[in-house]
C-alpha atoms as a PDB file:
ATOM      1  CA  MET A   1      20.379  18.360  -3.090  1.00  0.00           C
ATOM      2  CA  GLU A   2      17.944  15.736  -1.188  1.00  0.00           C
ATOM      3  CA  GLU A   3      19.412  12.539   0.015  1.00  0.00           C
ATOM      4  CA  PRO A   4      18.284   9.547  -1.988  1.00  0.00           C
ATOM      5  CA  ILE A   5      14.879   8.217  -0.417  1.00  0.00           C
ATOM      6  CA  ILE A   6      16.747   5.065   1.402  1.00  0.00           C
ATOM      7  CA  ASP A   7      18.536   7.370   3.673  1.00  0.00           C
ATOM      8  CA  SER A   8      16.518   9.785   5.034  1.00  0.00           C
ATOM      9  CA  LEU A   9      16.001   8.001   7.796  1.00  0.00           C
ATOM     10  CA  ARG A  10      18.876   8.693  10.248  1.00  0.00           C
ATOM     11  CA  GLN A  11      19.963   8.917  13.530  1.00  0.00           C
ATOM     12  CA  VAL A  12      20.876  11.717  15.807  1.00  0.00           C
ATOM     13  CA  ASN A  13      21.194   9.322  19.403  1.00  0.00           C
ATOM     14  CA  GLU A  14      19.697   5.927  20.281  1.00  0.00           C
ATOM     15  CA  ASP A  15      16.290   7.577  20.761  1.00  0.00           C
ATOM     16  CA  THR A  16      15.956  10.152  18.879  1.00  0.00           C
ATOM     17  CA  TRP A  17      15.959  10.015  14.528  1.00  0.00           C
ATOM     18  CA  LEU A  18      14.950  12.520  11.810  1.00  0.00           C
ATOM     19  CA  VAL A  19      13.172  11.771   8.415  1.00  0.00           C
ATOM     20  CA  GLY A  20      12.646  14.595   6.432  1.00  0.00           C
ATOM     21  CA  ASN A  21      12.194  17.790   8.742  1.00  0.00           C
ATOM     22  CA  LEU A  22      10.402  15.570  11.323  1.00  0.00           C
ATOM     23  CA  LEU A  23      12.232  14.350  14.541  1.00  0.00           C
ATOM     24  CA  ILE A  24      11.254  10.824  16.280  1.00  0.00           C
ATOM     25  CA  SER A  25      11.774  10.503  19.887  1.00  0.00           C
ATOM     26  CA  ARG A  26      11.507   7.818  21.843  1.00  0.00           C
ATOM     27  CA  SER A  27      11.290   7.158  26.084  1.00  0.00           C
ATOM     28  CA  THR A  28      10.372   4.471  27.886  1.00  0.00           C
ATOM     29  CA  GLY A  29       6.658   3.831  29.480  1.00  0.00           C
ATOM     30  CA  TYR A  30       3.618   5.535  28.348  1.00  0.00           C
ATOM     31  CA  SER A  31       3.144   9.419  27.272  1.00  0.00           C
ATOM     32  CA  ASP A  32      -0.399  10.782  26.545  1.00  0.00           C
ATOM     33  CA  ALA A  33       1.561  13.554  24.824  1.00  0.00           C
ATOM     34  CA  SER A  34       3.416  10.217  22.560  1.00  0.00           C
ATOM     35  CA  THR A  35       1.679   9.825  18.887  1.00  0.00           C
ATOM     36  CA  TRP A  36       1.822   5.879  19.885  1.00  0.00           C
ATOM     37  CA  PHE A  37       2.656   3.872  22.675  1.00  0.00           C
ATOM     38  CA  ASP A  38       4.745   0.558  21.638  1.00  0.00           C
ATOM     39  CA  ASP A  39       2.995  -1.950  24.316  1.00  0.00           C
ATOM     40  CA  CYS A  40       5.717  -4.762  23.859  1.00  0.00           C
ATOM     41  CA  ASP A  41       8.693  -2.595  24.224  1.00  0.00           C
ATOM     42  CA  ASP A  42       6.545  -0.111  26.832  1.00  0.00           C
ATOM     43  CA  ALA A  43       8.137   2.579  24.237  1.00  0.00           C
ATOM     44  CA  SER A  44       6.087   6.141  23.413  1.00  0.00           C
ATOM     45  CA  PHE A  45       7.345   7.339  20.358  1.00  0.00           C
ATOM     46  CA  THR A  46       6.523  10.746  19.155  1.00  0.00           C
ATOM     47  CA  VAL A  47       6.675  12.796  15.875  1.00  0.00           C
ATOM     48  CA  SER A  48       7.351  16.769  16.049  1.00  0.00           C
ATOM     49  CA  ILE A  49       8.728  19.277  13.331  1.00  0.00           C
ATOM     50  CA  ALA A  50      12.513  18.944  14.030  1.00  0.00           C
ATOM     51  CA  PRO A  51      14.250  22.091  14.982  1.00  0.00           C
ATOM     52  CA  THR A  52      15.970  24.534  12.142  1.00  0.00           C
ATOM     53  CA  PRO A  53      18.823  23.913  12.032  1.00  0.00           C
ATOM     54  CA  PRO A  54      18.428  20.011  12.821  1.00  0.00           C
ATOM     55  CA  PRO A  55      20.676  18.508  15.180  1.00  0.00           C
ATOM     56  CA  PRO A  56      23.893  16.289  13.672  1.00  0.00           C
ATOM     57  CA  SER A  57      23.373  13.105  12.617  1.00  0.00           C
ATOM     58  CA  LYS A  58      24.129  10.105  10.830  1.00  0.00           C
ATOM     59  CA  PRO A  59      23.504   6.828   8.777  1.00  0.00           C
ATOM     60  CA  ILE A  60      20.868   4.351  10.775  1.00  0.00           C
ATOM     61  CA  PRO A  61      23.678   1.925  12.218  1.00  0.00           C
ATOM     62  CA  PRO A  62      23.774  -1.796  10.889  1.00  0.00           C
ATOM     63  CA  ASN A  63      21.290  -3.950  12.891  1.00  0.00           C
ATOM     64  CA  ASP A  64      19.735  -1.385  14.869  1.00  0.00           C
ATOM     65  CA  PRO A  65      17.300  -2.815  17.559  1.00  0.00           C
ATOM     66  CA  ILE A  66      14.928  -0.051  16.705  1.00  0.00           C
ATOM     67  CA  ILE A  67      14.890   0.990  13.705  1.00  0.00           C
ATOM     68  CA  ARG A  68      14.880  -1.386  10.413  1.00  0.00           C
ATOM     69  CA  LEU A  69      14.145  -1.264   6.727  1.00  0.00           C
ATOM     70  CA  VAL A  70      11.613  -3.103   5.678  1.00  0.00           C
ATOM     71  CA  TYR A  71      11.439  -2.116   2.223  1.00  0.00           C
ATOM     72  CA  ASP A  72      13.167  -0.190  -0.288  1.00  0.00           C
ATOM     73  CA  ALA A  73      12.135   0.730  -4.169  1.00  0.00           C
ATOM     74  CA  GLY A  74      14.842   2.335  -5.221  1.00  0.00           C
ATOM     75  CA  GLU A  75      14.382   6.120  -5.693  1.00  0.00           C
ATOM     76  CA  SER A  76      10.707   6.067  -5.430  1.00  0.00           C
ATOM     77  CA  SER A  77       9.968   4.467  -1.572  1.00  0.00           C
ATOM     78  CA  ALA A  78      11.035   2.922   1.103  1.00  0.00           C
ATOM     79  CA  VAL A  79       9.722   1.969   4.803  1.00  0.00           C
ATOM     80  CA  TRP A  80      11.135   1.205   7.662  1.00  0.00           C
ATOM     81  CA  SER A  81      10.137  -0.665  11.081  1.00  0.00           C
ATOM     82  CA  LEU A  82       9.817   1.622  14.205  1.00  0.00           C
ATOM     83  CA  GLY A  83      10.081  -0.673  17.212  1.00  0.00           C
ATOM     84  CA  LYS A  84       7.186  -3.629  17.405  1.00  0.00           C
ATOM     85  CA  CYS A  85       3.901  -1.454  16.709  1.00  0.00           C
ATOM     86  CA  ALA A  86       4.637   1.018  13.688  1.00  0.00           C
ATOM     87  CA  PHE A  87       6.150   1.731  10.223  1.00  0.00           C
ATOM     88  CA  CYS A  88       7.448   4.819   8.447  1.00  0.00           C
ATOM     89  CA  LYS A  89       6.565   4.558   4.732  1.00  0.00           C
ATOM     90  CA  VAL A  90       8.377   7.769   2.600  1.00  0.00           C
ATOM     91  CA  LYS A  91       7.862   8.589  -0.325  1.00  0.00           C
ATOM     92  CA  LEU A  92       8.522  10.550  -3.348  1.00  0.00           C
ATOM     93  CA  TYR A  93       4.903  12.481  -3.853  1.00  0.00           C
ATOM     94  CA  ALA A  94       3.000  11.765  -7.296  1.00  0.00           C
ATOM     95  CA  LYS A  95       1.786  15.753  -7.948  1.00  0.00           C
ATOM     96  CA  ASN A  96      -1.925  15.938  -7.506  1.00  0.00           C
ATOM     97  CA  THR A  97      -2.693  12.108  -6.395  1.00  0.00           C
ATOM     98  CA  THR A  98      -4.759  11.389  -3.100  1.00  0.00           C
ATOM     99  CA  PRO A  99      -2.326  10.683  -0.025  1.00  0.00           C
ATOM    100  CA  GLU A 100      -3.009   6.744   1.313  1.00  0.00           C
ATOM    101  CA  ALA A 101      -4.008   8.564   4.704  1.00  0.00           C
ATOM    102  CA  SER A 102      -7.212  10.122   2.859  1.00  0.00           C
ATOM    103  CA  THR A 103      -7.915   6.198   1.130  1.00  0.00           C
ATOM    104  CA  LEU A 104      -7.471   5.039   4.474  1.00  0.00           C
ATOM    105  CA  ALA A 105      -9.744   7.583   6.108  1.00  0.00           C
ATOM    106  CA  TYR A 106     -12.838   6.635   3.568  1.00  0.00           C
ATOM    107  CA  VAL A 107     -12.149   2.844   4.032  1.00  0.00           C
ATOM    108  CA  ARG A 108     -12.424   3.010   7.669  1.00  0.00           C
ATOM    109  CA  GLU A 109     -15.712   4.491   7.625  1.00  0.00           C
ATOM    110  CA  GLN A 110     -17.158   2.019   5.162  1.00  0.00           C
ATOM    111  CA  GLN A 111     -16.942  -0.233   8.271  1.00  0.00           C
ATOM    112  CA  LEU A 112     -15.802  -3.436   5.753  1.00  0.00           C
ATOM    113  CA  GLU A 113     -15.150  -6.801   7.330  1.00  0.00           C
ATOM    114  CA  PHE A 114     -10.775  -6.674   7.392  1.00  0.00           C
ATOM    115  CA  LYS A 115      -8.279  -4.736   9.493  1.00  0.00           C
ATOM    116  CA  LEU A 116      -6.465  -1.707   8.493  1.00  0.00           C
ATOM    117  CA  PRO A 117      -3.392  -0.250   9.421  1.00  0.00           C
ATOM    118  CA  ASP A 118      -4.629   3.366  11.878  1.00  0.00           C
ATOM    119  CA  THR A 119      -2.735   6.974  10.460  1.00  0.00           C
ATOM    120  CA  LEU A 120      -0.448   8.202  13.202  1.00  0.00           C
ATOM    121  CA  TYR A 121       0.936  10.826  11.367  1.00  0.00           C
ATOM    122  CA  GLN A 122       1.455  12.375   7.967  1.00  0.00           C
ATOM    123  CA  ALA A 123       3.412  14.794   6.747  1.00  0.00           C
ATOM    124  CA  GLU A 124       5.055  16.404   3.318  1.00  0.00           C
ATOM    125  CA  SER A 125       7.648  18.205   2.597  1.00  0.00           C
ATOM    126  CA  ASN A 126      10.488  18.976  -0.347  1.00  0.00           C
ATOM    127  CA  GLY A 127       8.075  16.657  -2.605  1.00  0.00           C
ATOM    128  CA  ARG A 128       7.939  13.609  -0.091  1.00  0.00           C
ATOM    129  CA  SER A 129       5.672  11.996   1.412  1.00  0.00           C
ATOM    130  CA  TYR A 130       5.845  11.202   5.492  1.00  0.00           C
ATOM    131  CA  LEU A 131       3.316   8.794   6.691  1.00  0.00           C
ATOM    132  CA  PHE A 132       3.474   6.399  10.112  1.00  0.00           C
ATOM    133  CA  LEU A 133       1.376   3.666  10.305  1.00  0.00           C
ATOM    134  CA  SER A 134       0.528   1.465  13.232  1.00  0.00           C
ATOM    135  CA  ARG A 135       1.451  -2.410  12.405  1.00  0.00           C
ATOM    136  CA  VAL A 136      -1.984  -5.071  11.323  1.00  0.00           C
ATOM    137  CA  PRO A 137      -1.080  -8.024  13.714  1.00  0.00           C
ATOM    138  CA  GLY A 138       0.191 -11.567  11.485  1.00  0.00           C
ATOM    139  CA  ARG A 139       2.149 -11.938   8.899  1.00  0.00           C
ATOM    140  CA  THR A 140       1.777 -11.406   5.249  1.00  0.00           C
ATOM    141  CA  LEU A 141       0.404 -13.887   2.882  1.00  0.00           C
ATOM    142  CA  ALA A 142       3.092 -14.233   1.037  1.00  0.00           C
ATOM    143  CA  GLU A 143       5.876 -14.845   4.625  1.00  0.00           C
ATOM    144  CA  ALA A 144       2.585 -17.308   5.337  1.00  0.00           C
ATOM    145  CA  TRP A 145       2.182 -19.620   1.772  1.00  0.00           C
ATOM    146  CA  PRO A 146       4.503 -22.475   2.596  1.00  0.00           C
ATOM    147  CA  THR A 147       2.651 -23.103   5.370  1.00  0.00           C
ATOM    148  CA  LEU A 148      -0.493 -22.789   4.514  1.00  0.00           C
ATOM    149  CA  ASN A 149      -2.434 -26.081   2.761  1.00  0.00           C
ATOM    150  CA  GLU A 150      -4.347 -25.910   0.138  1.00  0.00           C
ATOM    151  CA  ALA A 151      -8.000 -25.653   1.303  1.00  0.00           C
ATOM    152  CA  TRP A 152      -6.003 -22.040   3.686  1.00  0.00           C
ATOM    153  CA  ARG A 153      -5.268 -20.819   0.877  1.00  0.00           C
ATOM    154  CA  TYR A 154      -8.495 -20.988  -1.182  1.00  0.00           C
ATOM    155  CA  HIS A 155     -10.147 -19.212   1.686  1.00  0.00           C
ATOM    156  CA  TYR A 156      -7.928 -16.561   1.233  1.00  0.00           C
ATOM    157  CA  VAL A 157      -8.333 -16.487  -2.785  1.00  0.00           C
ATOM    158  CA  ASN A 158     -12.296 -16.064  -1.710  1.00  0.00           C
ATOM    159  CA  ALA A 159     -11.802 -13.754   1.122  1.00  0.00           C
ATOM    160  CA  VAL A 160      -9.884 -11.397  -1.329  1.00  0.00           C
ATOM    161  CA  VAL A 161     -12.668 -12.464  -3.795  1.00  0.00           C
ATOM    162  CA  ASP A 162     -15.200 -11.421  -0.938  1.00  0.00           C
ATOM    163  CA  ILE A 163     -13.006  -7.973  -0.404  1.00  0.00           C
ATOM    164  CA  CYS A 164     -12.481  -6.810  -3.652  1.00  0.00           C
ATOM    165  CA  LYS A 165     -16.882  -7.184  -3.882  1.00  0.00           C
ATOM    166  CA  SER A 166     -17.571  -5.238  -1.019  1.00  0.00           C
ATOM    167  CA  LEU A 167     -15.527  -2.433  -2.331  1.00  0.00           C
ATOM    168  CA  ALA A 168     -16.741  -2.577  -5.448  1.00  0.00           C
ATOM    169  CA  THR A 169     -19.848  -1.326  -3.909  1.00  0.00           C
ATOM    170  CA  GLY A 170     -18.654   2.102  -3.588  1.00  0.00           C
ATOM    171  CA  LYS A 171     -19.276   3.986  -6.704  1.00  0.00           C
ATOM    172  CA  ARG A 172     -18.529   7.126  -7.917  1.00  0.00           C
ATOM    173  CA  SER A 173     -18.989   9.426 -11.728  1.00  0.00           C
ATOM    174  CA  ARG A 174     -15.487   9.811 -12.429  1.00  0.00           C
ATOM    175  CA  LEU A 175     -12.230   7.449 -12.542  1.00  0.00           C
ATOM    176  CA  GLU A 176     -10.473   9.259  -9.023  1.00  0.00           C
ATOM    177  CA  GLY A 177      -9.421   8.837  -5.650  1.00  0.00           C
ATOM    178  CA  VAL A 178     -11.783   9.344  -2.558  1.00  0.00           C
ATOM    179  CA  ASP A 179     -10.680  12.973  -2.594  1.00  0.00           C
ATOM    180  CA  GLY A 180     -11.240  13.582  -6.439  1.00  0.00           C
ATOM    181  CA  LYS A 181      -7.648  13.412  -6.879  1.00  0.00           C
ATOM    182  CA  HIS A 182      -5.488  11.437  -9.316  1.00  0.00           C
ATOM    183  CA  LEU A 183      -4.669   7.539  -8.905  1.00  0.00           C
ATOM    184  CA  PRO A 184      -0.916   6.870  -9.316  1.00  0.00           C
ATOM    185  CA  GLU A 185      -2.074   3.769 -11.752  1.00  0.00           C
ATOM    186  CA  PRO A 186       0.935   2.935 -14.264  1.00  0.00           C
ATOM    187  CA  TYR A 187      -0.890   0.107 -15.774  1.00  0.00           C
ATOM    188  CA  LEU A 188      -2.885   2.394 -17.795  1.00  0.00           C
ATOM    189  CA  ILE A 189      -0.507   4.962 -19.066  1.00  0.00           C
ATOM    190  CA  ARG A 190       0.809   2.904 -22.128  1.00  0.00           C
ATOM    191  CA  ASN A 191       3.840   1.707 -22.386  1.00  0.00           C
ATOM    192  CA  GLY A 192       6.519   3.828 -24.124  1.00  0.00           C
ATOM    193  CA  ALA A 193       4.474   6.943 -23.556  1.00  0.00           C
ATOM    194  CA  GLU A 194       6.062  10.499 -23.161  1.00  0.00           C
ATOM    195  CA  GLU A 195       4.474  11.104 -19.961  1.00  0.00           C
ATOM    196  CA  LYS A 196       4.994   8.453 -17.782  1.00  0.00           C
ATOM    197  CA  GLU A 197       3.253   9.835 -14.713  1.00  0.00           C
ATOM    198  CA  ASN A 198       0.490  12.295 -16.421  1.00  0.00           C
ATOM    199  CA  PHE A 199      -2.274  10.614 -13.894  1.00  0.00           C
ATOM    200  CA  ASP A 200      -4.984  12.865 -14.920  1.00  0.00           C
ATOM    201  CA  PRO A 201      -7.815  10.908 -15.090  1.00  0.00           C
ATOM    202  CA  GLN A 202      -8.673  11.860 -18.343  1.00  0.00           C
ATOM    203  CA  ASN A 203      -5.518  10.279 -20.018  1.00  0.00           C
ATOM    204  CA  LEU A 204      -6.398   6.902 -17.913  1.00  0.00           C
ATOM    205  CA  LEU A 205      -9.409   6.828 -18.980  1.00  0.00           C
ATOM    206  CA  ARG A 206      -8.528   7.586 -22.847  1.00  0.00           C
ATOM    207  CA  GLY A 207      -6.639   3.388 -22.351  1.00  0.00           C
ATOM    208  CA  CYS A 208      -9.682   2.247 -20.484  1.00  0.00           C
ATOM    209  CA  ARG A 209     -11.990   3.360 -23.436  1.00  0.00           C
ATOM    210  CA  GLU A 210      -9.920   2.196 -25.774  1.00  0.00           C
ATOM    211  CA  MET A 211     -10.185  -1.176 -24.133  1.00  0.00           C
ATOM    212  CA  GLY A 212     -13.926  -1.153 -24.555  1.00  0.00           C
ATOM    213  CA  MET A 213     -14.166  -0.875 -21.020  1.00  0.00           C
ATOM    214  CA  ASP A 214     -17.519   0.523 -19.358  1.00  0.00           C
ATOM    215  CA  CYS A 215     -16.215   3.842 -18.103  1.00  0.00           C
ATOM    216  CA  SER A 216     -20.533   5.140 -17.681  1.00  0.00           C
ATOM    217  CA  GLU A 217     -19.334   4.417 -13.684  1.00  0.00           C
ATOM    218  CA  PHE A 218     -16.665   3.956 -11.261  1.00  0.00           C
ATOM    219  CA  VAL A 219     -16.187   1.165  -8.546  1.00  0.00           C
ATOM    220  CA  PHE A 220     -13.930   1.068  -5.821  1.00  0.00           C
ATOM    221  CA  TYR A 221     -10.771  -0.607  -6.073  1.00  0.00           C
ATOM    222  CA  HIS A 222      -7.808  -1.701  -3.770  1.00  0.00           C
ATOM    223  CA  ALA A 223      -4.782  -2.060  -7.219  1.00  0.00           C
ATOM    224  CA  ASP A 224      -2.607  -4.050  -5.493  1.00  0.00           C
ATOM    225  CA  LEU A 225      -4.007  -6.863  -3.748  1.00  0.00           C
ATOM    226  CA  GLY A 226      -0.511  -8.858  -4.051  1.00  0.00           C
ATOM    227  CA  PRO A 227       0.355 -11.373  -1.245  1.00  0.00           C
ATOM    228  CA  GLY A 228       2.271  -8.668   0.662  1.00  0.00           C
ATOM    229  CA  ASN A 229      -0.025  -6.677   1.013  1.00  0.00           C
ATOM    230  CA  ILE A 230      -2.530  -9.209   2.284  1.00  0.00           C
ATOM    231  CA  ILE A 231      -1.897  -9.857   6.722  1.00  0.00           C
ATOM    232  CA  VAL A 232      -3.066 -13.143   7.701  1.00  0.00           C
ATOM    233  CA  GLU A 233      -2.539 -14.441  11.523  1.00  0.00           C
ATOM    234  CA  SER A 234       0.392 -16.227  12.000  1.00  0.00           C
ATOM    235  CA  ALA A 235      -1.186 -19.225  12.595  1.00  0.00           C
ATOM    236  CA  PRO A 236      -4.421 -19.554  11.097  1.00  0.00           C
ATOM    237  CA  ARG A 237      -7.111 -20.139  12.843  1.00  0.00           C
ATOM    238  CA  THR A 238     -10.433 -17.789  12.134  1.00  0.00           C
ATOM    239  CA  GLY A 239      -9.510 -17.090   8.669  1.00  0.00           C
ATOM    240  CA  SER A 240      -9.130 -13.281   9.423  1.00  0.00           C
ATOM    241  CA  VAL A 241      -7.212 -10.850   6.995  1.00  0.00           C
ATOM    242  CA  GLY A 242      -6.040  -7.674   6.949  1.00  0.00           C
ATOM    243  CA  ILE A 243      -5.310  -4.977   3.549  1.00  0.00           C
ATOM    244  CA  ILE A 244      -2.575  -2.906   3.558  1.00  0.00           C
ATOM    245  CA  ASP A 245      -0.716  -0.194   1.269  1.00  0.00           C
ATOM    246  CA  TRP A 246      -3.558   1.459  -0.043  1.00  0.00           C
ATOM    247  CA  GLU A 247      -2.055   4.144  -2.140  1.00  0.00           C
ATOM    248  CA  LEU A 248      -2.791   2.517  -5.249  1.00  0.00           C
ATOM    249  CA  ALA A 249      -6.980   2.182  -4.190  1.00  0.00           C
ATOM    250  CA  GLY A 250     -10.047   4.342  -5.671  1.00  0.00           C
ATOM    251  CA  PHE A 251     -12.582   4.259  -8.321  1.00  0.00           C
ATOM    252  CA  PHE A 252     -11.440   2.241 -11.518  1.00  0.00           C
ATOM    253  CA  PRO A 253     -14.257   0.901 -14.421  1.00  0.00           C
ATOM    254  CA  ARG A 254     -15.332  -2.442 -12.681  1.00  0.00           C
ATOM    255  CA  GLY A 255     -13.764  -4.341 -15.924  1.00  0.00           C
ATOM    256  CA  TRP A 256      -9.902  -3.190 -14.200  1.00  0.00           C
ATOM    257  CA  ILE A 257     -10.343  -5.298 -11.097  1.00  0.00           C
ATOM    258  CA  ARG A 258     -10.156  -9.077 -12.630  1.00  0.00           C
ATOM    259  CA  THR A 259      -7.827  -7.294 -15.474  1.00  0.00           C
ATOM    260  CA  LYS A 260      -5.331  -6.119 -12.994  1.00  0.00           C
ATOM    261  CA  PHE A 261      -4.737  -9.757 -11.469  1.00  0.00           C
ATOM    262  CA  ARG A 262      -4.209 -11.170 -14.964  1.00  0.00           C
ATOM    263  CA  ILE A 263      -1.587  -8.444 -16.392  1.00  0.00           C
ATOM    264  CA  SER A 264       0.432  -7.700 -13.146  1.00  0.00           C
ATOM    265  CA  ARG A 265       3.501  -9.427 -12.369  1.00  0.00           C
ATOM    266  CA  GLY A 266       3.088  -7.331  -8.521  1.00  0.00           C
ATOM    267  CA  LEU A 267       0.241  -9.813  -7.892  1.00  0.00           C
ATOM    268  CA  ASN A 268       2.447 -12.638  -7.815  1.00  0.00           C
ATOM    269  CA  LEU A 269       3.513 -14.813  -4.912  1.00  0.00           C
ATOM    270  CA  PRO A 270       7.646 -14.662  -3.910  1.00  0.00           C
ATOM    271  CA  ASP A 271      10.120 -16.553  -6.986  1.00  0.00           C
ATOM    272  CA  SER A 272      10.808 -18.718  -3.947  1.00  0.00           C
ATOM    273  CA  VAL A 273       7.744 -19.832  -4.303  1.00  0.00           C
ATOM    274  CA  ASN A 274       6.888 -23.001  -6.873  1.00  0.00           C
ATOM    275  CA  ASP A 275       4.055 -21.787  -8.646  1.00  0.00           C
ATOM    276  CA  LYS A 276       4.494 -17.755  -8.388  1.00  0.00           C
ATOM    277  CA  TYR A 277       1.691 -17.364 -10.469  1.00  0.00           C
ATOM    278  CA  TRP A 278      -0.711 -19.090  -8.912  1.00  0.00           C
ATOM    279  CA  TRP A 279      -1.997 -16.415  -6.693  1.00  0.00           C
ATOM    280  CA  ARG A 280      -3.596 -13.977  -8.848  1.00  0.00           C
ATOM    281  CA  SER A 281      -4.409 -16.504 -11.630  1.00  0.00           C
ATOM    282  CA  GLU A 282      -7.113 -18.076  -8.552  1.00  0.00           C
ATOM    283  CA  VAL A 283      -8.023 -15.083  -7.872  1.00  0.00           C
ATOM    284  CA  GLN A 284      -8.966 -13.789 -11.056  1.00  0.00           C
ATOM    285  CA  LYS A 285     -11.091 -16.909 -12.138  1.00  0.00           C
ATOM    286  CA  LEU A 286     -13.065 -16.546  -9.132  1.00  0.00           C
ATOM    287  CA  LEU A 287     -13.337 -12.529 -10.034  1.00  0.00           C
ATOM    288  CA  GLY A 288     -14.544 -14.275 -13.698  1.00  0.00           C
ATOM    289  CA  LYS A 289     -17.530 -16.743 -11.818  1.00  0.00           C
ATOM    290  CA  HIS A 290     -18.928 -13.410  -9.852  1.00  0.00           C
ATOM    291  CA  GLY A 291     -19.239 -11.248 -13.183  1.00  0.00           C
ATOM    292  CA  PHE A 292     -16.172  -9.597 -13.344  1.00  0.00           C
ATOM    293  CA  GLU A 293     -14.962  -9.316 -16.453  1.00  0.00           C
ATOM    294  CA  ASP A 294     -11.094  -9.651 -18.336  1.00  0.00           C
ATOM    295  CA  PHE A 295      -9.519  -7.175 -20.729  1.00  0.00           C
ATOM    296  CA  SER A 296      -6.547  -8.616 -20.355  1.00  0.00           C
ATOM    297  CA  SER A 297      -5.956  -9.431 -24.684  1.00  0.00           C
ATOM    298  CA  LYS A 298      -7.212  -5.994 -24.935  1.00  0.00           C
ATOM    299  CA  TRP A 299      -4.729  -4.826 -22.720  1.00  0.00           C
ATOM    300  CA  THR A 300      -1.543  -6.246 -24.035  1.00  0.00           C
ATOM    301  CA  ASP A 301      -2.571  -5.119 -27.776  1.00  0.00           C
ATOM    302  CA  TRP A 302      -3.255  -1.922 -26.364  1.00  0.00           C
ATOM    303  CA  TRP A 303      -0.422  -1.486 -24.371  1.00  0.00           C
ATOM    304  CA  TYR A 304       2.144  -2.933 -26.902  1.00  0.00           C
END
């Protein structure tokens, strides 16, 4: 039996860790042979295939100075920060879905005006994916929100709507990921369906058509643009943004763009915010002004 995902990253010693069948090693100073260099800590990190059998390991100790858990989605995924410049994302691999690294490569080719993480290393083993990504400088919009005045909040609304418009210039004839594989969009699988993870395009298309969306062509969309996936400057000056977590991005009906903001609680601001719905409410209203359709009421009728 594989250990739970939350326990999959383990310590061998103070400078070596195991995750799946991979070994992560840290050394002081710069090394040409390393997978990445952390200039903030003057340390090189190298990811390689672990030996067989792997070395003895133990759970990551509390308050470890190098490894820190930053996200835990129960049995499906977890993310750790490694030093100051990188993250390790471990998740269950949904069959025949597009790897996030492939999507990042596609988006980078478009040369759009926002920041992206770099893919440092990727692997799959025993039904899990292991993705190492660079850190996009700044902090999440969710973290920054309490410190932002109204002008800056609306600036980021406009910035994200502009990003949605730019991404949507990419078009395909099928509902698919950038590599032609499936998109793991659970909101397009009807509530109570027997196959809750049947992400076959025809299965997802069925709901889109029943809602009346135009399915003659499909546009590129990052379908998880919540405040936790938008990176802003630590102190806003230029207003630049970065976008992370591209595992739910691909070619959808254009009608899904605004609709997803209307229906997804995952795009809310943190519960500690007075109006946690403000972000997605304002984004969807501005998308409406730019001609994006709203199928939320039809989605509700279809979903339930």
